[in-house]
Amino acid sequence: MDQAVGLRKKGNGALESECCFPGPALQKPVRVLAVSSGKGGVGKSNVVINLAMAFDRMGQKVLIMDADLGLANIDVLLGLAPRYNLSHVLNGQKRIEEVLVNGPGQIKIMPASSGVQELTKLTDDQKLLLLELLDGIETDIDILLIDTSAGISDTVLYFNLAAHEKIVVVTPEPTSLTDAYALIKVLYSKFGERHFRLLVNSSAGEAAGKAIFAKISKVADHFLDGLSLDYLGAIPYDASVPKAVIQQKALLEAFPKAPAAKAFLSIAENIWRTQPSVNHGTIQFFWKRLLNV
């Protein structure tokens, strides 16, 4: 199918929309998902890793981008020791393909730096450079998962704007809910973003997860007219999760039969079954927009 049409056929014959970063070297559309949270400590990076593992088990080729540029932790959670990271790419020392490392399964990981304060706020030139580099990445992938830092910094907003799908991770803590709403509100009011999906982590169960979603949804419906906030699912509190972290392994690798592991598989299938928003175009669409972040 002609790439310019912006659609492709899925395995079941249905059509799905083309996502961003379909550069000349990539030769196929890629689903780009930004995973964010209003505050730290909600298990966002762990969510990213296990969603990547779930997609990998579904036969999808996954690239994780650690976009917490100054406080990287994806490599730490997986017990990796990358020699190079994204800072070497932005400094012109390495190509993106040269800094990628192998994760569990067939997952590729683009590590970030740790303790490099100047990378916590990208310049306009670095934003353009990063988009151009992602546009021309030569790694064959189906899904790009962007693990942003927590909060509402301009770098967090930047990566959310550069993704078709925005997943916001919350926990039952009241501060997590208020900060998640703040993130959604900024993206809605300042940039006109309308589509978000909420994932509840460390939930007491599915009913509790839906109750938490209902709280945020009620406020959003009242104050953010036209917002589309979807419930993605709940990851139950599971003692196996911290055990996997201590082992520096993905939960799906260390404890594949754990309740939380099964929930990750279910949520990944839910994501893959649904089509992303078609509000965005290709990478060229983002250049002017992102410079205004």
Foldseek 3Di string as FASTA:
>chain_A
DDVVVQWDADPVRDIFGAWALQAPLQVGGAAEEEEAFLDPDLCRLLLLVLLCVLVVVVVFAEEEEEAQQAAWCNCVLQVHDFPDAVVCVLVVNDAQVVRWDQGPRNYIYHTHHYHPVVSNDDALVSLVSVLVSSSNDNDHGHYYYYYHYHRQDLSSLLSNVNGLAYEYEAEPDPVRLVSRLVNVVCCCPVPNDAEYEYEYEQAQDFVRLVVSVVVSVVVCVVPPPRHHYHYLTYQHRWPLCVVSSVVSNRSCVPPVPTSSSVRSNVSSVVVVVDHTDPPDDYSVRCSVVSNVD
